[in-house]
């Protein structure tokens, strides 16, 4: 796992070393969007997303 050095002097990507700390760190994080931002869901079929993108670009 992680060495003692990681616990004492962690690199930025080593600050959270267990799942409990990770959940606590991100517990209040929610989606924050900019006004007028286009949000795409990659679960939606590509053709539908392309139509959404075109509509967004040409109606802006």
Protein backbone atom coordinates (compact mmCIF):
# COMPACT_ATOMS: atom_id res chain seq x y z
CA UNK A 1 0.00 0.00 0.00
CA UNK A 2 1.31 3.47 0.81
CA UNK A 3 4.60 4.01 2.55
CA UNK A 4 5.05 6.03 5.71
CA UNK A 5 6.57 8.81 3.56
CA UNK A 6 3.26 9.17 1.71
CA UNK A 7 1.45 9.73 5.00
CA UNK A 8 4.02 12.26 6.24
CA UNK A 9 4.73 14.15 3.01
CA UNK A 10 2.09 13.25 0.40
CA UNK A 11 2.13 14.42 -3.17
CA UNK A 12 -1.09 16.21 -4.29
CA UNK A 13 -2.46 12.98 -5.77
CA UNK A 14 -1.72 11.12 -2.52
CA UNK A 15 -3.62 13.32 -0.06
CA UNK A 16 -6.55 10.94 0.25
CA UNK A 17 -5.40 7.41 0.92
CA UNK A 18 -8.59 5.61 1.87
CA UNK A 19 -12.21 5.42 0.75
CA UNK A 20 -13.65 6.83 3.99
CA UNK A 21 -11.56 9.99 3.64
CA UNK A 22 -12.50 10.24 -0.03
CA UNK A 23 -16.23 10.07 0.72
CA UNK A 24 -15.88 12.65 3.49
CA UNK A 25 -13.88 14.99 1.23
CA UNK A 26 -16.45 14.90 -1.59
CA UNK A 27 -19.69 14.46 0.42
CA UNK A 28 -21.07 17.93 -0.33
CA UNK A 29 -19.83 18.16 -3.90
CA UNK A 30 -22.70 18.56 -6.32
CA UNK A 31 -22.88 19.47 -9.95
CA UNK A 32 -22.19 23.13 -10.57
CA UNK A 33 -22.93 24.42 -14.04
CA UNK A 34 -22.32 27.73 -15.76
CA UNK A 35 -25.25 29.70 -17.11
CA UNK A 36 -25.82 28.70 -20.71
CA UNK A 37 -23.58 25.65 -20.39
CA UNK A 38 -24.44 22.61 -22.50
CA UNK A 39 -24.60 19.39 -20.49
CA UNK A 40 -24.45 16.11 -22.38
CA UNK A 41 -25.22 12.66 -21.01
CA UNK A 42 -23.05 10.01 -22.64
CA UNK A 43 -25.72 7.39 -21.93
CA UNK A 44 -28.00 9.08 -24.48
CA UNK A 45 -27.45 7.83 -28.05
CA UNK A 46 -24.79 9.69 -30.02
CA UNK A 47 -27.22 10.84 -32.72
CA UNK A 48 -29.45 12.48 -30.12
CA UNK A 49 -26.47 14.23 -28.54
CA UNK A 50 -25.33 15.47 -31.95
CA UNK A 51 -28.79 16.97 -32.53
CA UNK A 52 -28.64 18.59 -29.08
CA UNK A 53 -25.19 20.05 -29.85
CA UNK A 54 -26.30 21.38 -33.22
CA UNK A 55 -29.38 22.95 -31.71
CA UNK A 56 -27.31 24.51 -28.94
CA UNK A 57 -24.75 25.95 -31.37
CA UNK A 58 -27.15 27.22 -34.00
CA UNK A 59 -29.72 28.66 -31.57
CA UNK A 60 -27.24 30.41 -29.29
